PDB file of N, CA and C in Angstrom:
ATOM      1  N   UNK A   1       3.009 -14.766  21.672  1.00  0.00           N
ATOM      2  CA  UNK A   1       3.354 -13.486  21.103  1.00  0.00           C
ATOM      3  C   UNK A   1       2.189 -12.518  21.379  1.00  0.00           C
ATOM      4  N   UNK A   2       2.533 -11.359  21.906  1.00  0.00           N
ATOM      5  CA  UNK A   2       1.541 -10.321  22.162  1.00  0.00           C
ATOM      6  C   UNK A   2       1.883  -9.128  21.262  1.00  0.00           C
ATOM      7  N   UNK A   3       1.205  -9.071  20.114  1.00  0.00           N
ATOM      8  CA  UNK A   3       1.490  -8.004  19.131  1.00  0.00           C
ATOM      9  C   UNK A   3       0.760  -6.728  19.495  1.00  0.00           C
ATOM     10  N   UNK A   4       1.440  -5.610  19.313  1.00  0.00           N
ATOM     11  CA  UNK A   4       0.843  -4.294  19.541  1.00  0.00           C
ATOM     12  C   UNK A   4       0.591  -3.578  18.237  1.00  0.00           C
ATOM     13  N   UNK A   5       1.457  -3.804  17.236  1.00  0.00           N
ATOM     14  CA  UNK A   5       1.332  -3.110  15.975  1.00  0.00           C
ATOM     15  C   UNK A   5       2.095  -3.891  14.918  1.00  0.00           C
ATOM     16  N   UNK A   6       1.640  -3.768  13.661  1.00  0.00           N
ATOM     17  CA  UNK A   6       2.338  -4.394  12.529  1.00  0.00           C
ATOM     18  C   UNK A   6       2.524  -3.360  11.442  1.00  0.00           C
ATOM     19  N   UNK A   7       3.720  -3.348  10.836  1.00  0.00           N
ATOM     20  CA  UNK A   7       4.028  -2.461   9.719  1.00  0.00           C
ATOM     21  C   UNK A   7       4.367  -3.298   8.507  1.00  0.00           C
ATOM     22  N   UNK A   8       3.953  -2.849   7.347  1.00  0.00           N
ATOM     23  CA  UNK A   8       4.453  -3.344   6.095  1.00  0.00           C
ATOM     24  C   UNK A   8       5.543  -2.373   5.678  1.00  0.00           C
ATOM     25  N   UNK A   9       6.750  -2.875   5.355  1.00  0.00           N
ATOM     26  CA  UNK A   9       7.840  -2.041   4.893  1.00  0.00           C
ATOM     27  C   UNK A   9       8.189  -2.417   3.454  1.00  0.00           C
ATOM     28  N   UNK A  10       8.348  -1.422   2.617  1.00  0.00           N
ATOM     29  CA  UNK A  10       8.745  -1.607   1.234  1.00  0.00           C
ATOM     30  C   UNK A  10      10.051  -0.867   0.988  1.00  0.00           C
ATOM     31  N   UNK A  11      10.912  -1.523   0.191  1.00  0.00           N
ATOM     32  CA  UNK A  11      12.203  -0.918  -0.163  1.00  0.00           C
ATOM     33  C   UNK A  11      12.045   0.033  -1.348  1.00  0.00           C
ATOM     34  N   UNK A  12      12.717   1.163  -1.272  1.00  0.00           N
ATOM     35  CA  UNK A  12      12.697   2.131  -2.366  1.00  0.00           C
ATOM     36  C   UNK A  12      14.111   2.585  -2.693  1.00  0.00           C
ATOM     37  N   UNK A  13      14.335   2.895  -3.948  1.00  0.00           N
ATOM     38  CA  UNK A  13      15.636   3.433  -4.389  1.00  0.00           C
ATOM     39  C   UNK A  13      15.732   4.918  -4.144  1.00  0.00           C
ATOM     40  N   UNK A  14      14.570   5.605  -4.156  1.00  0.00           N
ATOM     41  CA  UNK A  14      14.523   7.062  -4.048  1.00  0.00           C
ATOM     42  C   UNK A  14      13.402   7.413  -3.076  1.00  0.00           C
ATOM     43  N   UNK A  15      13.763   7.712  -1.838  1.00  0.00           N
ATOM     44  CA  UNK A  15      12.771   7.936  -0.796  1.00  0.00           C
ATOM     45  C   UNK A  15      11.856   9.118  -1.099  1.00  0.00           C
ATOM     46  N   UNK A  16      12.403  10.199  -1.620  1.00  0.00           N
ATOM     47  CA  UNK A  16      11.572  11.386  -1.911  1.00  0.00           C
ATOM     48  C   UNK A  16      10.548  11.063  -3.009  1.00  0.00           C
ATOM     49  N   UNK A  17      10.960  10.356  -4.055  1.00  0.00           N
ATOM     50  CA  UNK A  17      10.025  10.013  -5.146  1.00  0.00           C
ATOM     51  C   UNK A  17       8.961   9.051  -4.619  1.00  0.00           C
ATOM     52  N   UNK A  18       9.367   8.051  -3.828  1.00  0.00           N
ATOM     53  CA  UNK A  18       8.414   7.098  -3.277  1.00  0.00           C
ATOM     54  C   UNK A  18       7.446   7.766  -2.321  1.00  0.00           C
ATOM     55  N   UNK A  19       7.955   8.681  -1.501  1.00  0.00           N
ATOM     56  CA  UNK A  19       7.078   9.428  -0.590  1.00  0.00           C
ATOM     57  C   UNK A  19       6.015  10.198  -1.373  1.00  0.00           C
ATOM     58  N   UNK A  20       6.421  10.840  -2.459  1.00  0.00           N
ATOM     59  CA  UNK A  20       5.459  11.609  -3.288  1.00  0.00           C
ATOM     60  C   UNK A  20       4.419  10.667  -3.898  1.00  0.00           C
ATOM     61  N   UNK A  21       4.843   9.497  -4.420  1.00  0.00           N
ATOM     62  CA  UNK A  21       3.925   8.553  -5.056  1.00  0.00           C
ATOM     63  C   UNK A  21       2.935   8.003  -4.043  1.00  0.00           C
ATOM     64  N   UNK A  22       3.433   7.581  -2.873  1.00  0.00           N
ATOM     65  CA  UNK A  22       2.538   7.033  -1.844  1.00  0.00           C
ATOM     66  C   UNK A  22       1.652   8.090  -1.216  1.00  0.00           C
ATOM     67  N   UNK A  23       2.117   9.330  -1.177  1.00  0.00           N
ATOM     68  CA  UNK A  23       1.232  10.419  -0.718  1.00  0.00           C
ATOM     69  C   UNK A  23       0.030  10.532  -1.644  1.00  0.00           C
ATOM     70  N   UNK A  24       0.234  10.375  -2.935  1.00  0.00           N
ATOM     71  CA  UNK A  24      -0.898  10.358  -3.873  1.00  0.00           C
ATOM     72  C   UNK A  24      -1.774   9.127  -3.614  1.00  0.00           C
ATOM     73  N   UNK A  25      -1.155   7.965  -3.511  1.00  0.00           N
ATOM     74  CA  UNK A  25      -1.906   6.711  -3.308  1.00  0.00           C
ATOM     75  C   UNK A  25      -2.772   6.791  -2.059  1.00  0.00           C
ATOM     76  N   UNK A  26      -2.185   7.218  -0.933  1.00  0.00           N
ATOM     77  CA  UNK A  26      -2.889   7.221   0.327  1.00  0.00           C
ATOM     78  C   UNK A  26      -3.725   8.484   0.548  1.00  0.00           C
ATOM     79  N   UNK A  27      -3.500   9.501  -0.265  1.00  0.00           N
ATOM     80  CA  UNK A  27      -4.265  10.746  -0.108  1.00  0.00           C
ATOM     81  C   UNK A  27      -3.784  11.654   1.004  1.00  0.00           C
ATOM     82  N   UNK A  28      -2.587  11.368   1.516  1.00  0.00           N
ATOM     83  CA  UNK A  28      -1.986  12.214   2.579  1.00  0.00           C
ATOM     84  C   UNK A  28      -0.525  11.830   2.758  1.00  0.00           C
ATOM     85  N   UNK A  29       0.222  12.743   3.323  1.00  0.00           N
ATOM     86  CA  UNK A  29       1.650  12.516   3.552  1.00  0.00           C
ATOM     87  C   UNK A  29       1.895  11.600   4.734  1.00  0.00           C
ATOM     88  N   UNK A  30       3.158  11.204   4.942  1.00  0.00           N
ATOM     89  CA  UNK A  30       3.484  10.305   6.037  1.00  0.00           C
ATOM     90  C   UNK A  30       3.317  10.967   7.397  1.00  0.00           C
ATOM     91  N   UNK A  31       3.151  10.137   8.410  1.00  0.00           N
ATOM     92  CA  UNK A  31       2.965  10.640   9.770  1.00  0.00           C
ATOM     93  C   UNK A  31       4.246  10.857  10.519  1.00  0.00           C
ATOM     94  N   UNK A  32       5.284  10.092  10.203  1.00  0.00           N
ATOM     95  CA  UNK A  32       6.542  10.288  10.914  1.00  0.00           C
ATOM     96  C   UNK A  32       7.715   9.850  10.064  1.00  0.00           C
ATOM     97  N   UNK A  33       8.882  10.314  10.507  1.00  0.00           N
ATOM     98  CA  UNK A  33      10.156  10.079   9.804  1.00  0.00           C
ATOM     99  C   UNK A  33      11.163   9.668  10.896  1.00  0.00           C
ATOM    100  N   UNK A  34      11.140   8.367  11.321  1.00  0.00           N
ATOM    101  CA  UNK A  34      11.988   7.950  12.442  1.00  0.00           C
ATOM    102  C   UNK A  34      13.488   8.074  12.175  1.00  0.00           C
ATOM    103  N   UNK A  35      13.901   8.036  10.924  1.00  0.00           N
ATOM    104  CA  UNK A  35      15.301   8.176  10.558  1.00  0.00           C
ATOM    105  C   UNK A  35      15.387   8.684   9.126  1.00  0.00           C
ATOM    106  N   UNK A  36      16.559   9.076   8.685  1.00  0.00           N
ATOM    107  CA  UNK A  36      16.726   9.645   7.339  1.00  0.00           C
ATOM    108  C   UNK A  36      16.337   8.688   6.229  1.00  0.00           C
ATOM    109  N   UNK A  37      16.376   7.397   6.496  1.00  0.00           N
ATOM    110  CA  UNK A  37      16.092   6.392   5.462  1.00  0.00           C
ATOM    111  C   UNK A  37      14.682   5.798   5.555  1.00  0.00           C
ATOM    112  N   UNK A  38      13.792   6.402   6.352  1.00  0.00           N
ATOM    113  CA  UNK A  38      12.503   5.782   6.624  1.00  0.00           C
ATOM    114  C   UNK A  38      11.396   6.801   6.817  1.00  0.00           C
ATOM    115  N   UNK A  39      10.256   6.609   6.130  1.00  0.00           N
ATOM    116  CA  UNK A  39       9.034   7.364   6.415  1.00  0.00           C
ATOM    117  C   UNK A  39       7.928   6.367   6.716  1.00  0.00           C
ATOM    118  N   UNK A  40       6.966   6.750   7.561  1.00  0.00           N
ATOM    119  CA  UNK A  40       5.912   5.833   7.973  1.00  0.00           C
ATOM    120  C   UNK A  40       4.552   6.525   7.967  1.00  0.00           C
ATOM    121  N   UNK A  41       3.546   5.766   7.568  1.00  0.00           N
ATOM    122  CA  UNK A  41       2.154   6.186   7.673  1.00  0.00           C
ATOM    123  C   UNK A  41       1.506   5.333   8.762  1.00  0.00           C
ATOM    124  N   UNK A  42       0.763   5.991   9.651  1.00  0.00           N
ATOM    125  CA  UNK A  42       0.025   5.295  10.704  1.00  0.00           C
ATOM    126  C   UNK A  42      -1.444   5.274  10.235  1.00  0.00           C
ATOM    127  N   UNK A  43      -2.011   4.094  10.020  1.00  0.00           N
ATOM    128  CA  UNK A  43      -3.375   4.002   9.532  1.00  0.00           C
ATOM    129  C   UNK A  43      -4.383   3.608  10.610  1.00  0.00           C
ATOM    130  N   UNK A  44      -3.976   2.728  11.475  1.00  0.00           N
ATOM    131  CA  UNK A  44      -4.824   2.241  12.557  1.00  0.00           C
ATOM    132  C   UNK A  44      -3.938   2.111  13.777  1.00  0.00           C
ATOM    133  N   UNK A  45      -4.550   1.907  14.945  1.00  0.00           N
ATOM    134  CA  UNK A  45      -3.752   1.731  16.150  1.00  0.00           C
ATOM    135  C   UNK A  45      -2.783   0.557  16.015  1.00  0.00           C
ATOM    136  N   UNK A  46      -3.170  -0.457  15.211  1.00  0.00           N
ATOM    137  CA  UNK A  46      -2.327  -1.656  15.124  1.00  0.00           C
ATOM    138  C   UNK A  46      -1.616  -1.830  13.779  1.00  0.00           C
ATOM    139  N   UNK A  47      -1.726  -0.881  12.846  1.00  0.00           N
ATOM    140  CA  UNK A  47      -1.121  -1.122  11.527  1.00  0.00           C
ATOM    141  C   UNK A  47      -0.603   0.150  10.881  1.00  0.00           C
ATOM    142  N   UNK A  48       0.483   0.004  10.150  1.00  0.00           N
ATOM    143  CA  UNK A  48       1.053   1.106   9.418  1.00  0.00           C
ATOM    144  C   UNK A  48       1.880   0.623   8.251  1.00  0.00           C
ATOM    145  N   UNK A  49       2.356   1.570   7.436  1.00  0.00           N
ATOM    146  CA  UNK A  49       3.167   1.271   6.254  1.00  0.00           C
ATOM    147  C   UNK A  49       4.417   2.147   6.324  1.00  0.00           C
ATOM    148  N   UNK A  50       5.560   1.535   5.979  1.00  0.00           N
ATOM    149  CA  UNK A  50       6.802   2.271   5.950  1.00  0.00           C
ATOM    150  C   UNK A  50       7.518   2.105   4.628  1.00  0.00           C
ATOM    151  N   UNK A  51       8.241   3.130   4.208  1.00  0.00           N
ATOM    152  CA  UNK A  51       9.101   3.074   3.030  1.00  0.00           C
ATOM    153  C   UNK A  51      10.510   3.382   3.475  1.00  0.00           C
ATOM    154  N   UNK A  52      11.464   2.604   2.927  1.00  0.00           N
ATOM    155  CA  UNK A  52      12.837   2.793   3.358  1.00  0.00           C
ATOM    156  C   UNK A  52      13.800   2.551   2.210  1.00  0.00           C
ATOM    157  N   UNK A  53      14.924   3.263   2.239  1.00  0.00           N
ATOM    158  CA  UNK A  53      16.025   3.015   1.306  1.00  0.00           C
ATOM    159  C   UNK A  53      17.023   2.013   1.881  1.00  0.00           C
ATOM    160  N   UNK A  54      16.806   1.578   3.097  1.00  0.00           N
ATOM    161  CA  UNK A  54      17.711   0.671   3.793  1.00  0.00           C
ATOM    162  C   UNK A  54      17.211  -0.766   3.660  1.00  0.00           C
ATOM    163  N   UNK A  55      17.948  -1.621   2.941  1.00  0.00           N
ATOM    164  CA  UNK A  55      17.460  -2.980   2.738  1.00  0.00           C
ATOM    165  C   UNK A  55      17.569  -3.843   3.994  1.00  0.00           C
ATOM    166  N   UNK A  56      18.162  -3.316   5.058  1.00  0.00           N
ATOM    167  CA  UNK A  56      18.100  -3.983   6.363  1.00  0.00           C
ATOM    168  C   UNK A  56      16.720  -3.799   6.990  1.00  0.00           C
ATOM    169  N   UNK A  57      16.014  -2.746   6.624  1.00  0.00           N
ATOM    170  CA  UNK A  57      14.679  -2.465   7.161  1.00  0.00           C
ATOM    171  C   UNK A  57      13.614  -3.092   6.259  1.00  0.00           C
ATOM    172  N   UNK A  58      13.759  -2.943   4.964  1.00  0.00           N
ATOM    173  CA  UNK A  58      12.718  -3.361   4.028  1.00  0.00           C
ATOM    174  C   UNK A  58      13.318  -4.157   2.883  1.00  0.00           C
ATOM    175  N   UNK A  59      12.497  -4.977   2.292  1.00  0.00           N
ATOM    176  CA  UNK A  59      12.911  -5.678   1.069  1.00  0.00           C
ATOM    177  C   UNK A  59      11.780  -5.535   0.052  1.00  0.00           C
ATOM    178  N   UNK A  60      12.091  -5.774  -1.211  1.00  0.00           N
ATOM    179  CA  UNK A  60      11.082  -5.639  -2.270  1.00  0.00           C
ATOM    180  C   UNK A  60       9.885  -6.500  -1.886  1.00  0.00           C
ATOM    181  N   UNK A  61       8.685  -5.954  -2.045  1.00  0.00           N
ATOM    182  CA  UNK A  61       7.523  -6.697  -1.576  1.00  0.00           C
ATOM    183  C   UNK A  61       6.237  -6.323  -2.273  1.00  0.00           C
ATOM    184  N   UNK A  62       5.161  -6.607  -1.562  1.00  0.00           N
ATOM    185  CA  UNK A  62       3.823  -6.356  -2.063  1.00  0.00           C
ATOM    186  C   UNK A  62       2.944  -5.835  -0.933  1.00  0.00           C
ATOM    187  N   UNK A  63       1.885  -5.109  -1.302  1.00  0.00           N
ATOM    188  CA  UNK A  63       0.945  -4.598  -0.337  1.00  0.00           C
ATOM    189  C   UNK A  63      -0.466  -4.843  -0.862  1.00  0.00           C
ATOM    190  N   UNK A  64      -1.334  -5.319  -0.008  1.00  0.00           N
ATOM    191  CA  UNK A  64      -2.709  -5.615  -0.358  1.00  0.00           C
ATOM    192  C   UNK A  64      -3.590  -4.663   0.472  1.00  0.00           C
ATOM    193  N   UNK A  65      -4.333  -3.791  -0.208  1.00  0.00           N
ATOM    194  CA  UNK A  65      -5.154  -2.785   0.473  1.00  0.00           C
ATOM    195  C   UNK A  65      -6.624  -3.094   0.199  1.00  0.00           C
ATOM    196  N   UNK A  66      -7.402  -3.288   1.264  1.00  0.00           N
ATOM    197  CA  UNK A  66      -8.833  -3.465   1.136  1.00  0.00           C
ATOM    198  C   UNK A  66      -9.475  -2.064   1.158  1.00  0.00           C
ATOM    199  N   UNK A  67     -10.230  -1.745   0.117  1.00  0.00           N
ATOM    200  CA  UNK A  67     -10.881  -0.441  -0.015  1.00  0.00           C
ATOM    201  C   UNK A  67     -12.364  -0.645  -0.230  1.00  0.00           C
ATOM    202  N   UNK A  68     -13.165   0.387   0.052  1.00  0.00           N
ATOM    203  CA  UNK A  68     -14.604   0.275  -0.108  1.00  0.00           C
ATOM    204  C   UNK A  68     -15.009   0.108  -1.579  1.00  0.00           C
ATOM    205  N   UNK A  69     -14.325   0.837  -2.470  1.00  0.00           N
ATOM    206  CA  UNK A  69     -14.781   0.935  -3.853  1.00  0.00           C
ATOM    207  C   UNK A  69     -13.571   1.036  -4.792  1.00  0.00           C
ATOM    208  N   UNK A  70     -13.236  -0.048  -5.467  1.00  0.00           N
ATOM    209  CA  UNK A  70     -12.093  -0.063  -6.365  1.00  0.00           C
ATOM    210  C   UNK A  70     -12.306   0.941  -7.507  1.00  0.00           C
ATOM    211  N   UNK A  71     -13.499   1.029  -8.029  1.00  0.00           N
ATOM    212  CA  UNK A  71     -13.781   1.961  -9.142  1.00  0.00           C
ATOM    213  C   UNK A  71     -13.542   3.417  -8.712  1.00  0.00           C
ATOM    214  N   UNK A  72     -13.971   3.771  -7.521  1.00  0.00           N
ATOM    215  CA  UNK A  72     -13.746   5.140  -7.025  1.00  0.00           C
ATOM    216  C   UNK A  72     -12.257   5.411  -6.842  1.00  0.00           C
ATOM    217  N   UNK A  73     -11.525   4.446  -6.317  1.00  0.00           N
ATOM    218  CA  UNK A  73     -10.079   4.605  -6.134  1.00  0.00           C
ATOM    219  C   UNK A  73      -9.386   4.699  -7.484  1.00  0.00           C
ATOM    220  N   UNK A  74      -9.858   3.894  -8.456  1.00  0.00           N
ATOM    221  CA  UNK A  74      -9.295   3.960  -9.814  1.00  0.00           C
ATOM    222  C   UNK A  74      -9.420   5.378 -10.368  1.00  0.00           C
ATOM    223  N   UNK A  75     -10.585   5.975 -10.209  1.00  0.00           N
ATOM    224  CA  UNK A  75     -10.827   7.327 -10.713  1.00  0.00           C
ATOM    225  C   UNK A  75      -9.948   8.340 -10.001  1.00  0.00           C
ATOM    226  N   UNK A  76      -9.894   8.257  -8.665  1.00  0.00           N
ATOM    227  CA  UNK A  76      -9.090   9.188  -7.863  1.00  0.00           C
ATOM    228  C   UNK A  76      -7.613   9.094  -8.252  1.00  0.00           C
ATOM    229  N   UNK A  77      -7.099   7.868  -8.322  1.00  0.00           N
ATOM    230  CA  UNK A  77      -5.681   7.664  -8.620  1.00  0.00           C
ATOM    231  C   UNK A  77      -5.350   8.073 -10.037  1.00  0.00           C
ATOM    232  N   UNK A  78      -6.202   7.786 -10.988  1.00  0.00           N
ATOM    233  CA  UNK A  78      -5.959   8.148 -12.369  1.00  0.00           C
ATOM    234  C   UNK A  78      -5.804   9.667 -12.507  1.00  0.00           C
ATOM    235  N   UNK A  79      -6.615  10.418 -11.738  1.00  0.00           N
ATOM    236  CA  UNK A  79      -6.497  11.876 -11.793  1.00  0.00           C
ATOM    237  C   UNK A  79      -5.170  12.375 -11.234  1.00  0.00           C
ATOM    238  N   UNK A  80      -4.454  11.524 -10.500  1.00  0.00           N
ATOM    239  CA  UNK A  80      -3.168  11.840  -9.926  1.00  0.00           C
ATOM    240  C   UNK A  80      -2.012  11.224 -10.711  1.00  0.00           C
ATOM    241  N   UNK A  81      -2.335  10.546 -11.801  1.00  0.00           N
ATOM    242  CA  UNK A  81      -1.297   9.944 -12.643  1.00  0.00           C
ATOM    243  C   UNK A  81      -0.907   8.520 -12.267  1.00  0.00           C
ATOM    244  N   UNK A  82      -1.683   7.874 -11.414  1.00  0.00           N
ATOM    245  CA  UNK A  82      -1.443   6.473 -11.050  1.00  0.00           C
ATOM    246  C   UNK A  82      -2.526   5.641 -11.725  1.00  0.00           C
ATOM    247  N   UNK A  83      -2.120   4.761 -12.645  1.00  0.00           N
ATOM    248  CA  UNK A  83      -3.073   3.998 -13.437  1.00  0.00           C
ATOM    249  C   UNK A  83      -3.102   2.552 -12.977  1.00  0.00           C
ATOM    250  N   UNK A  84      -4.261   2.138 -12.465  1.00  0.00           N
ATOM    251  CA  UNK A  84      -4.452   0.743 -12.063  1.00  0.00           C
ATOM    252  C   UNK A  84      -4.698  -0.118 -13.287  1.00  0.00           C
ATOM    253  N   UNK A  85      -4.320  -1.395 -13.205  1.00  0.00           N
ATOM    254  CA  UNK A  85      -4.624  -2.342 -14.255  1.00  0.00           C
ATOM    255  C   UNK A  85      -6.125  -2.653 -14.275  1.00  0.00           C
ATOM    256  N   UNK A  86      -6.538  -3.459 -15.230  1.00  0.00           N
ATOM    257  CA  UNK A  86      -7.934  -3.852 -15.348  1.00  0.00           C
ATOM    258  C   UNK A  86      -8.404  -4.573 -14.092  1.00  0.00           C
ATOM    259  N   UNK A  87      -9.705  -4.505 -13.845  1.00  0.00           N
ATOM    260  CA  UNK A  87     -10.295  -5.252 -12.734  1.00  0.00           C
ATOM    261  C   UNK A  87     -10.035  -6.744 -12.926  1.00  0.00           C
ATOM    262  N   UNK A  88      -9.778  -7.398 -11.831  1.00  0.00           N
ATOM    263  CA  UNK A  88      -9.604  -8.847 -11.788  1.00  0.00           C
ATOM    264  C   UNK A  88     -10.703  -9.369 -10.869  1.00  0.00           C
ATOM    265  N   UNK A  89     -11.602 -10.165 -11.397  1.00  0.00           N
ATOM    266  CA  UNK A  89     -12.679 -10.730 -10.590  1.00  0.00           C
ATOM    267  C   UNK A  89     -12.175 -11.978  -9.870  1.00  0.00           C
ATOM    268  N   UNK A  90     -12.009 -11.882  -8.558  1.00  0.00           N
ATOM    269  CA  UNK A  90     -11.540 -13.016  -7.777  1.00  0.00           C
ATOM    270  C   UNK A  90     -12.704 -13.772  -7.149  1.00  0.00           C
ATOM    271  N   UNK A  91     -12.388 -14.801  -6.426  1.00  0.00           N
ATOM    272  CA  UNK A  91     -13.419 -15.593  -5.746  1.00  0.00           C
ATOM    273  C   UNK A  91     -14.093 -14.816  -4.636  1.00  0.00           C
ATOM    274  N   UNK A  92     -13.379 -13.834  -4.059  1.00  0.00           N
ATOM    275  CA  UNK A  92     -13.902 -13.117  -2.906  1.00  0.00           C
ATOM    276  C   UNK A  92     -13.994 -11.601  -3.092  1.00  0.00           C
ATOM    277  N   UNK A  93     -13.243 -11.071  -4.035  1.00  0.00           N
ATOM    278  CA  UNK A  93     -13.120  -9.629  -4.197  1.00  0.00           C
ATOM    279  C   UNK A  93     -12.871  -9.267  -5.647  1.00  0.00           C
ATOM    280  N   UNK A  94     -13.116  -8.001  -5.957  1.00  0.00           N
ATOM    281  CA  UNK A  94     -12.649  -7.422  -7.202  1.00  0.00           C
ATOM    282  C   UNK A  94     -11.301  -6.764  -6.907  1.00  0.00           C
ATOM    283  N   UNK A  95     -10.282  -7.060  -7.710  1.00  0.00           N
ATOM    284  CA  UNK A  95      -8.931  -6.567  -7.488  1.00  0.00           C
ATOM    285  C   UNK A  95      -8.521  -5.668  -8.625  1.00  0.00           C
ATOM    286  N   UNK A  96      -7.599  -4.760  -8.340  1.00  0.00           N
ATOM    287  CA  UNK A  96      -6.906  -3.982  -9.363  1.00  0.00           C
ATOM    288  C   UNK A  96      -5.487  -3.771  -8.858  1.00  0.00           C
ATOM    289  N   UNK A  97      -4.507  -3.820  -9.769  1.00  0.00           N
ATOM    290  CA  UNK A  97      -3.118  -3.780  -9.330  1.00  0.00           C
ATOM    291  C   UNK A  97      -2.327  -2.701 -10.071  1.00  0.00           C
ATOM    292  N   UNK A  98      -1.265  -2.255  -9.406  1.00  0.00           N
ATOM    293  CA  UNK A  98      -0.323  -1.300  -9.966  1.00  0.00           C
ATOM    294  C   UNK A  98       1.025  -1.571  -9.306  1.00  0.00           C
ATOM    295  N   UNK A  99       2.106  -1.263  -9.989  1.00  0.00           N
ATOM    296  CA  UNK A  99       3.430  -1.355  -9.391  1.00  0.00           C
ATOM    297  C   UNK A  99       3.918   0.054  -9.087  1.00  0.00           C
ATOM    298  N   UNK A 100       4.527   0.215  -7.928  1.00  0.00           N
ATOM    299  CA  UNK A 100       5.071   1.511  -7.562  1.00  0.00           C
ATOM    300  C   UNK A 100       6.355   1.749  -8.372  1.00  0.00           C
ATOM    301  N   UNK A 101       6.973   2.927  -8.252  1.00  0.00           N
ATOM    302  CA  UNK A 101       8.183   3.209  -9.052  1.00  0.00           C
ATOM    303  C   UNK A 101       9.324   2.234  -8.821  1.00  0.00           C
ATOM    304  N   UNK A 102       9.326   1.487  -7.702  1.00  0.00           N
ATOM    305  CA  UNK A 102      10.392   0.520  -7.432  1.00  0.00           C
ATOM    306  C   UNK A 102       9.998  -0.903  -7.789  1.00  0.00           C
ATOM    307  N   UNK A 103       8.808  -1.098  -8.359  1.00  0.00           N
ATOM    308  CA  UNK A 103       8.392  -2.425  -8.767  1.00  0.00           C
ATOM    309  C   UNK A 103       7.622  -3.216  -7.720  1.00  0.00           C
ATOM    310  N   UNK A 104       7.365  -2.630  -6.538  1.00  0.00           N
ATOM    311  CA  UNK A 104       6.555  -3.300  -5.543  1.00  0.00           C
ATOM    312  C   UNK A 104       5.119  -3.392  -6.051  1.00  0.00           C
ATOM    313  N   UNK A 105       4.469  -4.539  -5.859  1.00  0.00           N
ATOM    314  CA  UNK A 105       3.115  -4.757  -6.326  1.00  0.00           C
ATOM    315  C   UNK A 105       2.098  -4.271  -5.299  1.00  0.00           C
ATOM    316  N   UNK A 106       1.217  -3.362  -5.720  1.00  0.00           N
ATOM    317  CA  UNK A 106       0.173  -2.835  -4.854  1.00  0.00           C
ATOM    318  C   UNK A 106      -1.154  -3.368  -5.407  1.00  0.00           C
ATOM    319  N   UNK A 107      -1.930  -4.070  -4.591  1.00  0.00           N
ATOM    320  CA  UNK A 107      -3.210  -4.613  -4.988  1.00  0.00           C
ATOM    321  C   UNK A 107      -4.282  -3.928  -4.174  1.00  0.00           C
ATOM    322  N   UNK A 108      -5.289  -3.338  -4.854  1.00  0.00           N
ATOM    323  CA  UNK A 108      -6.456  -2.795  -4.209  1.00  0.00           C
ATOM    324  C   UNK A 108      -7.583  -3.821  -4.384  1.00  0.00           C
ATOM    325  N   UNK A 109      -8.349  -4.068  -3.352  1.00  0.00           N
ATOM    326  CA  UNK A 109      -9.403  -5.081  -3.401  1.00  0.00           C
ATOM    327  C   UNK A 109     -10.612  -4.603  -2.612  1.00  0.00           C
ATOM    328  N   UNK A 110     -11.780  -5.013  -3.091  1.00  0.00           N
ATOM    329  CA  UNK A 110     -13.019  -4.746  -2.334  1.00  0.00           C
ATOM    330  C   UNK A 110     -13.033  -5.695  -1.125  1.00  0.00           C
ATOM    331  N   UNK A 111     -13.826  -5.351  -0.103  1.00  0.00           N
ATOM    332  CA  UNK A 111     -13.920  -6.263   1.036  1.00  0.00           C
ATOM    333  C   UNK A 111     -14.391  -7.646   0.579  1.00  0.00           C
ATOM    334  N   UNK A 112     -13.858  -8.709   1.170  1.00  0.00           N
ATOM    335  CA  UNK A 112     -14.194 -10.057   0.722  1.00  0.00           C
ATOM    336  C   UNK A 112     -15.665 -10.393   0.959  1.00  0.00           C
ATOM    337  N   UNK A 113     -16.255 -10.997  -0.074  1.00  0.00           N
ATOM    338  CA  UNK A 113     -17.646 -11.449   0.039  1.00  0.00           C
ATOM    339  C   UNK A 113     -17.799 -12.651  -0.881  1.00  0.00           C
ATOM    340  N   UNK A 114     -18.054 -13.827  -0.376  1.00  0.00           N
ATOM    341  CA  UNK A 114     -18.246 -14.123   1.053  1.00  0.00           C
ATOM    342  C   UNK A 114     -16.919 -13.990   1.795  1.00  0.00           C
ATOM    343  N   UNK A 115     -16.974 -14.114   3.109  1.00  0.00           N
ATOM    344  CA  UNK A 115     -15.755 -14.019   3.925  1.00  0.00           C
ATOM    345  C   UNK A 115     -14.775 -15.110   3.528  1.00  0.00           C
ATOM    346  N   UNK A 116     -13.502 -14.865   3.760  1.00  0.00           N
ATOM    347  CA  UNK A 116     -12.480 -15.871   3.513  1.00  0.00           C
ATOM    348  C   UNK A 116     -12.804 -17.096   4.375  1.00  0.00           C
ATOM    349  N   UNK A 117     -12.491 -18.297   3.875  1.00  0.00           N
ATOM    350  CA  UNK A 117     -12.721 -19.496   4.702  1.00  0.00           C
ATOM    351  C   UNK A 117     -11.729 -19.529   5.865  1.00  0.00           C
ATOM    352  N   UNK A 118     -12.135 -20.110   6.970  1.00  0.00           N
ATOM    353  CA  UNK A 118     -11.223 -20.180   8.135  1.00  0.00           C
ATOM    354  C   UNK A 118     -10.033 -21.070   7.823  1.00  0.00           C
ATOM    355  N   UNK A 119      -8.943 -20.812   8.493  1.00  0.00           N
ATOM    356  CA  UNK A 119      -7.714 -21.611   8.319  1.00  0.00           C
ATOM    357  C   UNK A 119      -7.839 -22.955   9.000  1.00  0.00           C
TER     358      UNK A 119
END
């Protein structure tokens, strides 16, 4: 398999409401709208996130976002009305979680330290 790009897709009941919520979470609006039932954010050359009302494209899921500073993101998001749960001290990262309006689990985490063990 020669992968060029990977997208995480999450199912939403209300695309406009989800777009507004994720615009707050990501700090910017989506990059493209390939069809009426789908919006996408392009984050890196190889990765992006999509929201869709079409369950053929997306299913209820979870997203794990590695961020530099969970505390700073907590403060930024709280000012926008998105409240993260308490910090969770993991073996590799500090985590904080929130569910989007459709119940998808969003986890913010600091970069792993030490690195994850090899598979």
